[in-house]
């Protein structure tokens, strides 16, 4: 296999130094939220609703009931964004009342429970002060793969410190390094090499499958986001499994290319939240609306990860195998040249027909 250059380029080196220490702080804060621990962002304290237990909430509420911070899209669903103190497109703070215990807060946080657990009320929103810590806190929850809903303003005892600026930076950057590589013959191409990448900011381990030999032309490249249900379990709700197979076959047939397998399950909302989105789809919502109701964007993927992987593989111009113009724009924004956009067609079935139509109509996919 070709020995691709793994040296850090000057741009990448500056990127790496800037995020090294901050990235580790963010990683600790992500871990704290997942464990149900308190995080402090420039003096404002937060406890994730999803991972809190009764004891943790009681300790956090030591000075009085802590309020709840939710995303603007979730507030719209709860009819809170038209209140005077709410911000329709930004975080919303909900005042805790005596009946708004942990179970009540969980119902506020999770729209998949809306039909099972009709919400009490009324709710009252209050101004968020200081506002600048609210968005990083919700972004941190998203990085942790949790619902973007947090208790806010409670006890700081034992809090893990984090910087709002570093949280925003980590969610937009890709501090990666090559960790390992080996030959990997596959049923699509016997001459292939797998390259594993580790992040300095989270536990994700992305991989690239380099197929064939450089032939003087830009490689055929596919960005494939991890999909356990489609890639492994054969789900018919999406087209991910067939796309993965067809992409690997196309790259092998071209003689030279790279599959980037990105650990960004469910358009980077995580496996658990993707299954919550499936539950909302069962209630009649499409993919985009399901993600928005959960408090996420319709696509949370960070394409700088893919760009960084290509940089480490010394590939700065590619032929991109995709129907998604966002991938083209995302790579170009990170300095990767797109020599050509190559469509990837898969057949629809009765289970994913509506999903594919949503991708075409609402996400701009060229199907």
Protein backbone atom coordinates (compact mmCIF):
# COMPACT_ATOMS: atom_id res chain seq x y z
CA UNK A 1 0.00 0.00 0.00
CA UNK A 2 1.17 3.57 -0.59
CA UNK A 3 2.75 5.20 2.44
CA UNK A 4 0.71 8.38 2.67
CA UNK A 5 2.24 11.39 4.39
CA UNK A 6 1.08 11.69 8.01
CA UNK A 7 3.02 14.81 8.97
CA UNK A 8 1.13 17.73 10.45
CA UNK A 9 1.02 20.64 8.04
CA UNK A 10 1.55 24.18 9.41
CA UNK A 11 -2.20 24.95 9.33
CA UNK A 12 -2.98 21.67 11.07
CA UNK A 13 -0.23 22.20 13.63
CA UNK A 14 -1.61 25.58 14.69
CA UNK A 15 -5.07 24.02 14.85
CA UNK A 16 -3.78 21.23 17.08
CA UNK A 17 -1.91 23.47 19.53
CA UNK A 18 -4.85 25.83 19.87
CA UNK A 19 -7.28 23.07 20.86
CA UNK A 20 -5.07 20.64 22.78
CA UNK A 21 -5.58 21.85 26.35
CA UNK A 22 -9.03 23.29 25.75
CA UNK A 23 -10.05 20.11 23.98
CA UNK A 24 -9.10 18.06 27.02
CA UNK A 25 -11.12 20.36 29.27
CA UNK A 26 -14.11 19.97 26.97
CA UNK A 27 -13.64 16.19 26.95
CA UNK A 28 -13.70 16.17 30.76
CA UNK A 29 -16.83 18.30 30.78
CA UNK A 30 -18.51 15.97 28.26
CA UNK A 31 -17.64 13.01 30.46
CA UNK A 32 -18.99 14.83 33.53
CA UNK A 33 -22.36 15.49 31.90
CA UNK A 34 -22.63 11.87 30.80
CA UNK A 35 -21.92 10.73 34.36
CA UNK A 36 -24.53 13.04 35.88
CA UNK A 37 -21.99 15.44 37.38
CA UNK A 38 -22.16 19.21 37.59
CA UNK A 39 -20.35 21.36 35.02
CA UNK A 40 -19.49 25.03 35.51
CA UNK A 41 -19.06 27.31 32.50
CA UNK A 42 -17.60 30.67 33.54
CA UNK A 43 -19.43 30.55 36.84
CA UNK A 44 -22.80 29.26 35.62
CA UNK A 45 -23.58 25.72 36.76
CA UNK A 46 -25.34 22.98 34.80
CA UNK A 47 -26.56 19.42 35.39
CA UNK A 48 -27.86 17.34 32.48
CA UNK A 49 -31.51 16.39 32.92
CA UNK A 50 -31.03 13.07 31.13
CA UNK A 51 -28.28 11.74 33.40
CA UNK A 52 -29.26 13.33 36.70
CA UNK A 53 -30.61 11.12 39.48
CA UNK A 54 -32.58 12.06 42.57
CA UNK A 55 -29.49 12.41 44.77
CA UNK A 56 -27.61 14.55 42.24
CA UNK A 57 -30.61 16.83 41.72
CA UNK A 58 -31.18 17.17 45.45
CA UNK A 59 -27.56 18.27 45.92
CA UNK A 60 -27.80 20.65 42.97
CA UNK A 61 -31.03 22.09 44.41
CA UNK A 62 -29.42 22.74 47.82
CA UNK A 63 -29.95 26.51 47.54
CA UNK A 64 -33.43 26.22 46.04
CA UNK A 65 -34.95 24.61 42.95
CA UNK A 66 -32.68 25.03 39.93
CA UNK A 67 -34.39 26.11 36.72
CA UNK A 68 -34.35 24.17 33.44
CA UNK A 69 -32.55 25.28 30.29
CA UNK A 70 -33.92 23.99 26.97
CA UNK A 71 -33.25 24.71 23.31
CA UNK A 72 -35.30 27.20 21.34
CA UNK A 73 -36.74 24.49 19.09
CA UNK A 74 -37.95 22.49 22.09
CA UNK A 75 -39.44 25.67 23.54
CA UNK A 76 -41.40 26.19 20.31
CA UNK A 77 -42.87 22.69 20.69
CA UNK A 78 -43.87 23.52 24.27
CA UNK A 79 -45.44 26.83 23.14
CA UNK A 80 -42.98 28.81 25.26
CA UNK A 81 -41.19 30.79 22.56
CA UNK A 82 -43.95 33.40 22.34
CA UNK A 83 -43.53 34.43 25.96
CA UNK A 84 -41.98 37.83 26.58
CA UNK A 85 -38.77 36.57 28.18
CA UNK A 86 -38.21 33.67 25.81
CA UNK A 87 -35.93 33.81 22.77
CA UNK A 88 -37.55 31.99 19.82
CA UNK A 89 -34.31 30.93 18.17
CA UNK A 90 -32.13 30.63 21.26
CA UNK A 91 -32.04 28.88 24.64
CA UNK A 92 -35.03 29.26 26.94
CA UNK A 93 -34.98 29.08 30.74
CA UNK A 94 -38.02 27.54 32.44
CA UNK A 95 -38.71 28.35 36.09
CA UNK A 96 -38.93 25.29 38.34
CA UNK A 97 -42.14 24.91 40.32
CA UNK A 98 -42.69 22.39 43.15
CA UNK A 99 -44.33 19.86 40.82
CA UNK A 100 -41.49 20.10 38.26
CA UNK A 101 -39.41 17.29 39.76
CA UNK A 102 -36.92 15.03 37.96
CA UNK A 103 -39.67 13.09 36.18
CA UNK A 104 -41.34 16.34 35.14
CA UNK A 105 -38.05 17.76 33.90
CA UNK A 106 -37.43 14.59 31.89
CA UNK A 107 -40.83 14.99 30.25
CA UNK A 108 -39.94 18.60 29.41
CA UNK A 109 -36.64 17.45 27.90
CA UNK A 110 -37.76 14.47 25.81
CA UNK A 111 -40.36 15.00 23.05
CA UNK A 112 -40.55 11.25 22.46
CA UNK A 113 -42.49 11.14 25.73
CA UNK A 114 -45.01 13.82 24.79
CA UNK A 115 -47.78 11.39 23.89
CA UNK A 116 -47.04 9.06 26.83
CA UNK A 117 -46.64 11.73 29.50
CA UNK A 118 -48.92 14.72 28.88
CA UNK A 119 -47.18 17.74 30.36
CA UNK A 120 -48.51 19.67 33.31
CA UNK A 121 -48.31 23.42 33.38
CA UNK A 122 -48.39 26.24 32.92
CA UNK A 123 -44.70 26.89 32.41
CA UNK A 124 -43.06 30.25 33.01
CA UNK A 125 -39.94 31.41 31.23
CA UNK A 126 -37.45 33.76 32.86
CA UNK A 127 -34.54 35.76 31.49
CA UNK A 128 -31.26 33.89 31.11
CA UNK A 129 -28.46 35.71 32.88
CA UNK A 130 -25.75 35.53 31.82
CA UNK A 131 -26.96 34.49 28.38
CA UNK A 132 -23.50 33.79 26.93
CA UNK A 133 -23.09 30.55 28.92
CA UNK A 134 -26.43 29.06 27.81
CA UNK A 135 -25.60 28.16 24.22
CA UNK A 136 -22.21 26.57 25.09
CA UNK A 137 -23.97 24.52 27.78
CA UNK A 138 -26.53 23.18 25.30
CA UNK A 139 -23.75 22.60 22.78
CA UNK A 140 -21.86 20.61 25.40
CA UNK A 141 -24.91 18.41 25.97
CA UNK A 142 -25.12 17.77 22.23
CA UNK A 143 -21.41 16.89 22.13
CA UNK A 144 -22.12 14.41 24.94
CA UNK A 145 -24.91 12.80 22.89
CA UNK A 146 -27.50 13.92 25.45
CA UNK A 147 -30.77 15.74 25.05
CA UNK A 148 -30.05 19.49 25.12
CA UNK A 149 -31.83 20.12 28.40
CA UNK A 150 -30.06 21.03 31.64
CA UNK A 151 -30.77 22.14 35.16
CA UNK A 152 -29.18 25.58 35.55
CA UNK A 153 -28.02 27.69 38.48
CA UNK A 154 -27.62 25.13 41.24
CA UNK A 155 -24.81 24.25 43.65
CA UNK A 156 -21.28 24.36 42.23
CA UNK A 157 -19.91 21.75 44.67
CA UNK A 158 -17.53 19.42 42.80
CA UNK A 159 -18.27 21.07 39.44
CA UNK A 160 -16.03 20.33 36.48
CA UNK A 161 -14.84 23.57 34.89
CA UNK A 162 -15.17 24.31 31.19
CA UNK A 163 -14.79 27.31 28.91
CA UNK A 164 -17.70 28.36 26.74
CA UNK A 165 -15.32 29.52 24.03
CA UNK A 166 -13.54 26.17 24.00
CA UNK A 167 -16.85 24.27 23.86
CA UNK A 168 -17.95 26.22 20.78
CA UNK A 169 -14.50 25.79 19.25
CA UNK A 170 -14.45 22.04 19.91
CA UNK A 171 -17.85 21.58 18.27
CA UNK A 172 -16.56 23.30 15.13
CA UNK A 173 -13.05 21.85 14.93
CA UNK A 174 -11.34 18.52 14.37
CA UNK A 175 -8.20 17.88 16.41
CA UNK A 176 -7.30 14.46 15.00
CA UNK A 177 -4.21 12.32 14.67
CA UNK A 178 -3.51 9.02 12.97
CA UNK A 179 -3.43 6.33 15.66
CA UNK A 180 -2.92 3.12 13.68
CA UNK A 181 -3.01 1.63 10.19
CA UNK A 182 -2.95 -1.86 8.66
CA UNK A 183 -3.71 -3.76 5.47
CA UNK A 184 -7.35 -4.83 5.23
CA UNK A 185 -8.46 -6.92 2.26
CA UNK A 186 -12.23 -6.64 1.78
CA UNK A 187 -14.85 -8.31 -0.39
CA UNK A 188 -14.86 -5.16 -2.50
CA UNK A 189 -11.08 -4.84 -2.92
CA UNK A 190 -8.29 -7.05 -1.64
CA UNK A 191 -5.77 -4.24 -1.93
CA UNK A 192 -6.87 -1.86 0.82
CA UNK A 193 -5.55 -0.24 3.97
CA UNK A 194 -7.49 0.84 7.04
CA UNK A 195 -6.34 3.95 8.89
CA UNK A 196 -7.68 4.80 12.36
CA UNK A 197 -7.87 8.35 13.70
CA UNK A 198 -8.29 9.50 17.28
CA UNK A 199 -9.71 12.79 18.44
CA UNK A 200 -8.17 14.88 21.20
CA UNK A 201 -11.58 16.29 22.10
CA UNK A 202 -13.84 13.24 22.41
CA UNK A 203 -13.79 9.45 22.38
CA UNK A 204 -14.68 9.11 18.70
CA UNK A 205 -12.40 6.94 16.58
CA UNK A 206 -12.94 7.62 12.89
CA UNK A 207 -11.51 5.36 10.18
CA UNK A 208 -10.55 5.62 6.53
CA UNK A 209 -10.39 2.73 4.09
CA UNK A 210 -7.85 3.51 1.38
CA UNK A 211 -8.57 1.37 -1.68
CA UNK A 212 -6.15 0.81 -4.56
CA UNK A 213 -3.17 2.92 -5.60
CA UNK A 214 -2.84 6.62 -6.49
CA UNK A 215 -3.13 6.97 -10.23
CA UNK A 216 -2.42 10.66 -10.74
CA UNK A 217 -6.07 11.76 -10.51
CA UNK A 218 -7.90 12.89 -7.38
CA UNK A 219 -9.26 9.91 -5.42
CA UNK A 220 -12.92 8.99 -5.43
CA UNK A 221 -13.97 9.76 -1.85
CA UNK A 222 -17.10 8.87 0.09
CA UNK A 223 -18.00 10.45 3.44
CA UNK A 224 -20.15 7.87 5.23
CA UNK A 225 -21.60 8.63 8.64
CA UNK A 226 -21.84 5.65 10.94
CA UNK A 227 -25.28 4.01 10.97
CA UNK A 228 -25.50 0.97 13.23
CA UNK A 229 -29.09 0.25 12.27
CA UNK A 230 -28.46 0.47 8.52
CA UNK A 231 -24.84 -0.66 8.15
CA UNK A 232 -24.99 -3.59 10.59
CA UNK A 233 -28.62 -4.49 11.31
CA UNK A 234 -29.97 -4.12 7.79
CA UNK A 235 -32.54 -1.42 8.60
CA UNK A 236 -34.93 -0.54 5.80
CA UNK A 237 -35.80 2.85 7.36
CA UNK A 238 -32.81 4.52 5.67
CA UNK A 239 -30.54 3.99 2.68
CA UNK A 240 -27.26 3.91 4.64
CA UNK A 241 -26.45 0.21 4.27
CA UNK A 242 -26.94 0.09 0.48
CA UNK A 243 -25.06 3.39 0.12
CA UNK A 244 -22.09 2.00 2.03
CA UNK A 245 -21.94 -1.12 -0.14
CA UNK A 246 -22.40 0.81 -3.38
CA UNK A 247 -19.79 3.38 -2.40
CA UNK A 248 -17.15 0.75 -1.62
CA UNK A 249 -17.93 -1.03 -4.88
CA UNK A 250 -17.66 2.23 -6.85
CA UNK A 251 -14.34 3.15 -5.23
CA UNK A 252 -12.93 -0.31 -5.95
CA UNK A 253 -14.09 -0.10 -9.55
CA UNK A 254 -12.43 3.32 -9.95
CA UNK A 255 -9.12 1.79 -8.87
CA UNK A 256 -8.22 4.48 -6.34
CA UNK A 257 -10.18 6.12 -3.59
CA UNK A 258 -10.98 6.51 0.08
CA UNK A 259 -14.00 5.71 2.23
CA UNK A 260 -14.16 7.92 5.32
CA UNK A 261 -16.24 6.17 7.99
CA UNK A 262 -17.23 8.95 10.38
CA UNK A 263 -18.44 8.26 13.91
CA UNK A 264 -21.33 10.68 13.54
CA UNK A 265 -24.34 8.44 14.11
CA UNK A 266 -27.72 9.90 13.22
CA UNK A 267 -26.24 12.99 11.54
CA UNK A 268 -24.17 13.39 14.72
CA UNK A 269 -26.98 13.35 17.27
CA UNK A 270 -25.89 9.92 18.52
CA UNK A 271 -27.48 6.49 18.51
CA UNK A 272 -29.83 7.01 21.47
CA UNK A 273 -31.14 10.27 20.09
CA UNK A 274 -31.49 8.75 16.63
CA UNK A 275 -33.74 6.10 18.13
CA UNK A 276 -35.72 8.85 19.84
CA UNK A 277 -36.07 10.46 16.42
CA UNK A 278 -37.31 7.12 15.08
CA UNK A 279 -39.95 7.12 17.81
CA UNK A 280 -41.04 10.59 16.73
CA UNK A 281 -41.15 9.42 13.11
CA UNK A 282 -43.49 6.64 14.24
CA UNK A 283 -45.72 9.45 15.54
CA UNK A 284 -45.79 11.07 12.09
CA UNK A 285 -42.88 13.52 12.10
CA UNK A 286 -40.32 13.49 9.30
CA UNK A 287 -36.56 13.25 9.90
CA UNK A 288 -35.97 16.99 9.96
CA UNK A 289 -38.83 17.79 12.33
CA UNK A 290 -37.91 14.88 14.61
CA UNK A 291 -34.37 16.22 15.05
CA UNK A 292 -35.63 19.75 15.64
CA UNK A 293 -38.16 18.60 18.24
CA UNK A 294 -35.35 16.84 20.07
CA UNK A 295 -33.50 20.16 20.26
CA UNK A 296 -30.90 19.44 17.58
CA UNK A 297 -30.30 20.92 14.16
CA UNK A 298 -31.53 18.88 11.22
CA UNK A 299 -27.86 17.97 10.57
CA UNK A 300 -25.29 18.29 13.38
CA UNK A 301 -22.36 16.79 11.46
CA UNK A 302 -18.98 18.49 11.53
CA UNK A 303 -17.38 18.11 8.10
CA UNK A 304 -14.08 19.53 9.35
CA UNK A 305 -13.50 16.01 10.72
CA UNK A 306 -13.55 14.57 7.21
CA UNK A 307 -11.40 17.42 5.91
CA UNK A 308 -8.81 16.82 8.61
CA UNK A 309 -8.70 13.11 7.81
CA UNK A 310 -8.07 13.91 4.15
CA UNK A 311 -5.33 16.36 5.13
CA UNK A 312 -3.62 13.70 7.20
CA UNK A 313 -3.82 11.38 4.20
CA UNK A 314 -2.30 14.14 2.03
CA UNK A 315 -5.39 14.41 -0.15
CA UNK A 316 -6.50 18.01 -0.67
CA UNK A 317 -8.44 17.52 -3.88
CA UNK A 318 -11.02 14.77 -4.35
CA UNK A 319 -13.86 13.52 -6.49
CA UNK A 320 -16.70 13.39 -3.97
CA UNK A 321 -19.22 10.56 -4.15
CA UNK A 322 -22.37 12.19 -2.77
CA UNK A 323 -25.86 13.51 -3.43
CA UNK A 324 -25.58 16.01 -0.57
CA UNK A 325 -24.49 19.57 -1.50
CA UNK A 326 -23.76 20.27 2.19
CA UNK A 327 -20.86 17.81 2.06
CA UNK A 328 -19.41 19.61 -0.95
CA UNK A 329 -19.76 23.00 0.75
CA UNK A 330 -18.46 21.64 4.07
CA UNK A 331 -15.27 20.25 2.57
CA UNK A 332 -14.66 23.30 0.39
CA UNK A 333 -15.04 25.53 3.45
CA UNK A 334 -12.21 23.56 5.06
CA UNK A 335 -9.90 23.94 2.07
CA UNK A 336 -10.54 20.63 0.30
CA UNK A 337 -10.95 21.02 -3.45
CA UNK A 338 -13.83 19.17 -5.13
CA UNK A 339 -12.71 18.16 -8.61
CA UNK A 340 -16.11 16.55 -9.29
CA UNK A 341 -19.32 15.61 -7.52
CA UNK A 342 -20.28 12.04 -8.40
CA UNK A 343 -23.88 10.97 -7.63
CA UNK A 344 -24.63 7.84 -5.62
CA UNK A 345 -27.99 6.27 -6.45
CA UNK A 346 -29.77 3.61 -4.39
CA UNK A 347 -33.23 2.13 -4.82
CA UNK A 348 -36.04 3.14 -2.48
CA UNK A 349 -38.27 0.72 -0.59
CA UNK A 350 -41.67 1.19 1.04
CA UNK A 351 -40.07 1.81 4.44
CA UNK A 352 -37.64 4.56 3.41
CA UNK A 353 -39.53 6.23 0.56
CA UNK A 354 -40.74 9.11 2.76
CA UNK A 355 -37.27 9.45 4.33
CA UNK A 356 -35.64 9.82 0.91
CA UNK A 357 -38.28 12.32 -0.15
CA UNK A 358 -37.57 14.38 2.97
CA UNK A 359 -33.86 14.36 2.14
CA UNK A 360 -34.66 15.65 -1.34
CA UNK A 361 -37.25 18.26 -0.43
CA UNK A 362 -35.99 19.56 2.92
CA UNK A 363 -32.26 18.82 2.92
CA UNK A 364 -31.47 19.50 -0.72
CA UNK A 365 -30.16 16.05 -1.61
CA UNK A 366 -29.92 15.52 -5.35
CA UNK A 367 -31.68 12.17 -5.55
